[in-house]
Amino acid sequence: MKFQQTERFAGDRRQLSDDEFRRFLEVVRDEFIPAAERHVSDPGVAWPAGLRVKPVQGARGVWEMTWSFAGPDGRATFEWFQIDGEPAIRWRRVGGHAIFSDP
């Protein structure tokens, strides 16, 4: 699975502590990527409940996932697109609930 990130994501990332960003990367590596690859193979397969992946209301084509329930709250938004004809993820925002004001 290929990824890109927006400039906004990079700015959000700088606001996270090293521990928060490490946790985000662990969840992406261990849970999100395998689930995204399953989703590409079979869009009918449910995302893991613990990731709470769902479309962002009022932001067509933007999805959200939860990477931390413990303080602080950890959310990320992303969108599907293609790189070289293959499905890919563009990370848009990362942080707490505040990211939903402009996902």
C-alpha atoms as a PDB file:
ATOM      1  CA  MET A   1       0.000   0.000   0.000  1.00  0.00           C
ATOM      2  CA  LYS A   2       1.430   3.352  -1.028  1.00  0.00           C
ATOM      3  CA  PHE A   3       0.845   6.550   0.914  1.00  0.00           C
ATOM      4  CA  GLN A   4       1.127  10.296   0.569  1.00  0.00           C
ATOM      5  CA  GLN A   5       0.535  13.025   3.092  1.00  0.00           C
ATOM      6  CA  THR A   6      -0.760  16.558   2.722  1.00  0.00           C
ATOM      7  CA  GLU A   7       1.153  19.580   3.969  1.00  0.00           C
ATOM      8  CA  ARG A   8      -1.598  19.959   6.559  1.00  0.00           C
ATOM      9  CA  PHE A   9      -0.884  16.436   7.826  1.00  0.00           C
ATOM     10  CA  ALA A  10       2.809  17.305   8.144  1.00  0.00           C
ATOM     11  CA  GLY A  11       1.893  20.406  10.163  1.00  0.00           C
ATOM     12  CA  ASP A  12      -0.457  18.391  12.376  1.00  0.00           C
ATOM     13  CA  ARG A  13       2.251  15.784  12.906  1.00  0.00           C
ATOM     14  CA  ARG A  14       4.581  18.439  14.331  1.00  0.00           C
ATOM     15  CA  GLN A  15       1.938  19.148  16.995  1.00  0.00           C
ATOM     16  CA  LEU A  16       1.987  15.531  18.215  1.00  0.00           C
ATOM     17  CA  SER A  17       4.429  14.288  20.814  1.00  0.00           C
ATOM     18  CA  ASP A  18       6.956  11.694  19.706  1.00  0.00           C
ATOM     19  CA  ASP A  19       5.019   9.058  21.693  1.00  0.00           C
ATOM     20  CA  GLU A  20       1.741  10.012  20.000  1.00  0.00           C
ATOM     21  CA  PHE A  21       3.247   9.822  16.531  1.00  0.00           C
ATOM     22  CA  ARG A  22       4.951   6.519  17.362  1.00  0.00           C
ATOM     23  CA  ARG A  23       1.545   5.142  18.432  1.00  0.00           C
ATOM     24  CA  PHE A  24      -0.038   6.384  15.191  1.00  0.00           C
ATOM     25  CA  LEU A  25       2.668   4.650  13.129  1.00  0.00           C
ATOM     26  CA  GLU A  26       2.251   1.400  15.101  1.00  0.00           C
ATOM     27  CA  VAL A  27      -1.496   1.355  14.507  1.00  0.00           C
ATOM     28  CA  VAL A  28      -1.041   2.155  10.812  1.00  0.00           C
ATOM     29  CA  ARG A  29       1.572  -0.581  10.385  1.00  0.00           C
ATOM     30  CA  ASP A  30      -0.041  -3.294  12.511  1.00  0.00           C
ATOM     31  CA  GLU A  31      -3.758  -2.696  11.974  1.00  0.00           C
ATOM     32  CA  PHE A  32      -4.615  -0.105   9.328  1.00  0.00           C
ATOM     33  CA  ILE A  33      -2.446  -1.298   6.421  1.00  0.00           C
ATOM     34  CA  PRO A  34      -3.587  -4.941   6.652  1.00  0.00           C
ATOM     35  CA  ALA A  35      -7.215  -3.785   6.888  1.00  0.00           C
ATOM     36  CA  ALA A  36      -6.819  -1.379   3.954  1.00  0.00           C
ATOM     37  CA  GLU A  37      -5.303  -4.145   1.837  1.00  0.00           C
ATOM     38  CA  ARG A  38      -8.229  -6.432   2.713  1.00  0.00           C
ATOM     39  CA  HIS A  39     -10.617  -3.593   1.815  1.00  0.00           C
ATOM     40  CA  VAL A  40      -8.969  -3.175  -1.587  1.00  0.00           C
ATOM     41  CA  SER A  41      -9.279  -6.915  -2.255  1.00  0.00           C
ATOM     42  CA  ASP A  42     -12.883  -7.068  -1.014  1.00  0.00           C
ATOM     43  CA  PRO A  43     -14.669  -3.766  -0.262  1.00  0.00           C
ATOM     44  CA  GLY A  44     -17.388  -5.744   1.523  1.00  0.00           C
ATOM     45  CA  VAL A  45     -15.014  -6.850   4.293  1.00  0.00           C
ATOM     46  CA  ALA A  46     -15.627  -4.834   7.449  1.00  0.00           C
ATOM     47  CA  TRP A  47     -12.890  -2.643   8.871  1.00  0.00           C
ATOM     48  CA  PRO A  48     -11.705  -3.679  12.356  1.00  0.00           C
ATOM     49  CA  ALA A  49     -14.125  -2.205  14.904  1.00  0.00           C
ATOM     50  CA  GLY A  50     -11.247  -0.831  16.981  1.00  0.00           C
ATOM     51  CA  LEU A  51     -10.155   1.505  14.167  1.00  0.00           C
ATOM     52  CA  ARG A  52     -13.620   3.042  13.815  1.00  0.00           C
ATOM     53  CA  VAL A  53     -13.049   3.704  10.100  1.00  0.00           C
ATOM     54  CA  LYS A  54     -15.960   5.581   8.527  1.00  0.00           C
ATOM     55  CA  PRO A  55     -16.684   8.420   6.112  1.00  0.00           C
ATOM     56  CA  VAL A  56     -16.395  11.927   7.540  1.00  0.00           C
ATOM     57  CA  GLN A  57     -19.829  13.543   7.547  1.00  0.00           C
ATOM     58  CA  GLY A  58     -20.028  16.526   5.199  1.00  0.00           C
ATOM     59  CA  ALA A  59     -16.632  15.848   3.569  1.00  0.00           C
ATOM     60  CA  ARG A  60     -17.206  13.736   0.485  1.00  0.00           C
ATOM     61  CA  GLY A  61     -14.448  11.202  -0.171  1.00  0.00           C
ATOM     62  CA  VAL A  62     -12.744  11.792   3.197  1.00  0.00           C
ATOM     63  CA  TRP A  63     -12.545   8.986   5.750  1.00  0.00           C
ATOM     64  CA  GLU A  64     -11.564   8.950   9.395  1.00  0.00           C
ATOM     65  CA  MET A  65      -9.908   6.410  11.646  1.00  0.00           C
ATOM     66  CA  THR A  66      -9.183   6.313  15.360  1.00  0.00           C
ATOM     67  CA  TRP A  67      -5.676   5.400  16.440  1.00  0.00           C
ATOM     68  CA  SER A  68      -5.970   6.185  20.162  1.00  0.00           C
ATOM     69  CA  PHE A  69      -8.852   6.208  22.621  1.00  0.00           C
ATOM     70  CA  ALA A  70      -6.682   6.994  25.632  1.00  0.00           C
ATOM     71  CA  GLY A  71      -5.700  10.568  26.374  1.00  0.00           C
ATOM     72  CA  PRO A  72      -5.033  12.278  24.213  1.00  0.00           C
ATOM     73  CA  ASP A  73      -7.626  11.238  21.690  1.00  0.00           C
ATOM     74  CA  GLY A  74      -6.048  10.240  18.345  1.00  0.00           C
ATOM     75  CA  ARG A  75      -7.774  10.581  14.986  1.00  0.00           C
ATOM     76  CA  ALA A  76      -6.626  10.772  11.396  1.00  0.00           C
ATOM     77  CA  THR A  77      -8.382  11.562   8.146  1.00  0.00           C
ATOM     78  CA  PHE A  78      -7.492  10.104   4.769  1.00  0.00           C
ATOM     79  CA  GLU A  79      -8.729   9.680   1.237  1.00  0.00           C
ATOM     80  CA  TRP A  80      -8.311   6.992  -1.376  1.00  0.00           C
ATOM     81  CA  PHE A  81      -6.580   7.826  -4.636  1.00  0.00           C
ATOM     82  CA  GLN A  82      -4.255   6.068  -7.081  1.00  0.00           C
ATOM     83  CA  ILE A  83      -0.502   6.000  -7.598  1.00  0.00           C
ATOM     84  CA  ASP A  84       0.599   4.355 -10.839  1.00  0.00           C
ATOM     85  CA  GLY A  85      -2.885   2.847 -11.233  1.00  0.00           C
ATOM     86  CA  GLU A  86      -2.811   1.214  -7.785  1.00  0.00           C
ATOM     87  CA  PRO A  87      -5.005   2.109  -4.785  1.00  0.00           C
ATOM     88  CA  ALA A  88      -3.230   4.381  -2.310  1.00  0.00           C
ATOM     89  CA  ILE A  89      -3.966   6.420   0.813  1.00  0.00           C
ATOM     90  CA  ARG A  90      -3.448  10.161   1.165  1.00  0.00           C
ATOM     91  CA  TRP A  91      -3.255  11.148   4.838  1.00  0.00           C
ATOM     92  CA  ARG A  92      -4.976  14.508   5.259  1.00  0.00           C
ATOM     93  CA  ARG A  93      -4.986  15.319   9.002  1.00  0.00           C
ATOM     94  CA  VAL A  94      -3.819  13.763  12.266  1.00  0.00           C
ATOM     95  CA  GLY A  95      -4.533  14.766  15.854  1.00  0.00           C
ATOM     96  CA  GLY A  96      -7.603  15.054  18.060  1.00  0.00           C
ATOM     97  CA  HIS A  97     -11.205  16.030  17.350  1.00  0.00           C
ATOM     98  CA  ALA A  98     -10.090  19.500  16.192  1.00  0.00           C
ATOM     99  CA  ILE A  99      -9.031  18.016  12.838  1.00  0.00           C
ATOM    100  CA  PHE A 100     -12.701  17.573  11.934  1.00  0.00           C
ATOM    101  CA  SER A 101     -13.212  21.330  11.594  1.00  0.00           C
ATOM    102  CA  ASP A 102     -11.334  21.037   8.258  1.00  0.00           C
ATOM    103  CA  PRO A 103     -10.803  17.327   7.553  1.00  0.00           C
END
